Amino acid sequence: MAQPAGGHEHGWRVESSHPTSSGLVVYVRCGGCGMRRLDLQEHPLAVPAALSREIPVAGHALVCVPGRPVVSGCRDSPAAAS
């Protein structure tokens, strides 16, 4: 589990999921702080890997996926520089 600078250890819970050509996309949320993240499980026996990173914004979390369209507030995406 990720350990952010604030010292909170996330406890990820699955909110929803759906199959894609790359594998199972899993939307997870931390039960402690409400932060969200997007994971990808490429094989049914594989452990899901983080596809995005979590970003807290005014008490909420935005999901930024490298190479995808910018979500408001996502500064690290290449499209954010334009």
Protein backbone atom coordinates (compact mmCIF):
# COMPACT_ATOMS: atom_id res chain seq x y z
CA MET A 1 0.00 0.00 0.00
CA ALA A 2 1.11 3.54 -0.73
CA GLN A 3 2.37 5.68 2.13
CA PRO A 4 1.88 9.40 1.32
CA ALA A 5 3.88 12.19 2.97
CA GLY A 6 1.08 12.78 5.50
CA GLY A 7 1.62 9.31 6.97
CA HIS A 8 -1.76 7.85 6.01
CA GLU A 9 -1.62 4.29 4.70
CA HIS A 10 -4.32 3.88 2.06
CA GLY A 11 -6.76 0.99 2.34
CA TRP A 12 -8.01 0.65 -1.25
CA ARG A 13 -11.54 -0.70 -1.85
CA VAL A 14 -13.00 -1.48 -5.26
CA GLU A 15 -15.81 0.88 -6.28
CA SER A 16 -16.33 -0.56 -9.76
CA SER A 17 -14.53 -2.29 -12.61
CA HIS A 18 -14.96 -3.15 -16.27
CA PRO A 19 -13.12 -5.27 -18.84
CA THR A 20 -11.06 -3.60 -21.58
CA SER A 21 -8.73 -4.87 -24.29
CA SER A 22 -5.82 -4.25 -21.88
CA GLY A 23 -7.38 -6.10 -18.96
CA LEU A 24 -9.72 -5.27 -16.10
CA VAL A 25 -9.84 -1.58 -15.22
CA VAL A 26 -10.52 -1.22 -11.49
CA TYR A 27 -11.69 2.01 -9.83
CA VAL A 28 -10.56 2.02 -6.19
CA ARG A 29 -11.13 4.39 -3.28
CA CYS A 30 -9.36 4.70 0.05
CA GLY A 31 -11.76 3.96 2.92
CA GLY A 32 -9.83 6.31 5.23
CA CYS A 33 -9.45 9.53 3.24
CA GLY A 34 -11.70 9.05 0.18
CA MET A 35 -8.86 9.39 -2.33
CA ARG A 36 -9.42 7.56 -5.61
CA ARG A 37 -7.10 5.74 -8.02
CA LEU A 38 -7.40 3.78 -11.26
CA ASP A 39 -5.79 0.30 -11.42
CA LEU A 40 -5.31 -2.20 -14.22
CA GLN A 41 -5.38 -5.97 -13.75
CA GLU A 42 -3.88 -7.42 -16.92
CA HIS A 43 -4.60 -11.07 -16.08
CA PRO A 44 -7.20 -12.65 -13.75
CA LEU A 45 -4.42 -14.10 -11.54
CA ALA A 46 -2.30 -10.91 -11.53
CA VAL A 47 -2.31 -8.27 -8.81
CA PRO A 48 -3.79 -4.99 -10.11
CA ALA A 49 -1.19 -2.26 -10.75
CA ALA A 50 -1.78 1.47 -10.37
CA LEU A 51 -2.60 2.95 -13.77
CA SER A 52 -2.95 6.46 -12.35
CA ARG A 53 -1.77 8.35 -9.31
CA GLU A 54 -3.89 9.94 -6.65
CA ILE A 55 -4.11 13.73 -6.39
CA PRO A 56 -5.91 15.45 -3.52
CA VAL A 57 -7.75 18.64 -4.53
CA ALA A 58 -9.76 20.62 -1.96
CA GLY A 59 -10.84 17.51 -0.08
CA HIS A 60 -11.38 15.47 -3.25
CA ALA A 61 -9.13 13.41 -5.48
CA LEU A 62 -8.58 13.73 -9.22
CA VAL A 63 -7.19 10.90 -11.29
CA CYS A 64 -4.35 11.65 -13.73
CA VAL A 65 -3.34 8.99 -16.23
CA PRO A 66 -0.16 9.74 -18.22
CA GLY A 67 -0.87 10.24 -21.90
CA ARG A 68 -4.61 10.74 -21.39
CA PRO A 69 -6.68 13.95 -21.66
CA VAL A 70 -6.19 16.39 -18.80
CA VAL A 71 -8.56 16.32 -15.86
CA SER A 72 -9.00 19.76 -14.32
CA GLY A 73 -6.17 20.36 -11.87
CA CYS A 74 -3.83 17.69 -13.23
CA ARG A 75 -0.58 19.61 -13.73
CA ASP A 76 1.74 16.69 -14.55
CA SER A 77 -0.02 15.66 -17.75
CA PRO A 78 1.78 16.66 -21.01
CA ALA A 79 -1.45 18.29 -22.25
CA ALA A 80 -1.51 20.56 -19.19
CA ALA A 81 1.45 22.51 -20.52
CA SER A 82 -0.46 23.65 -23.60
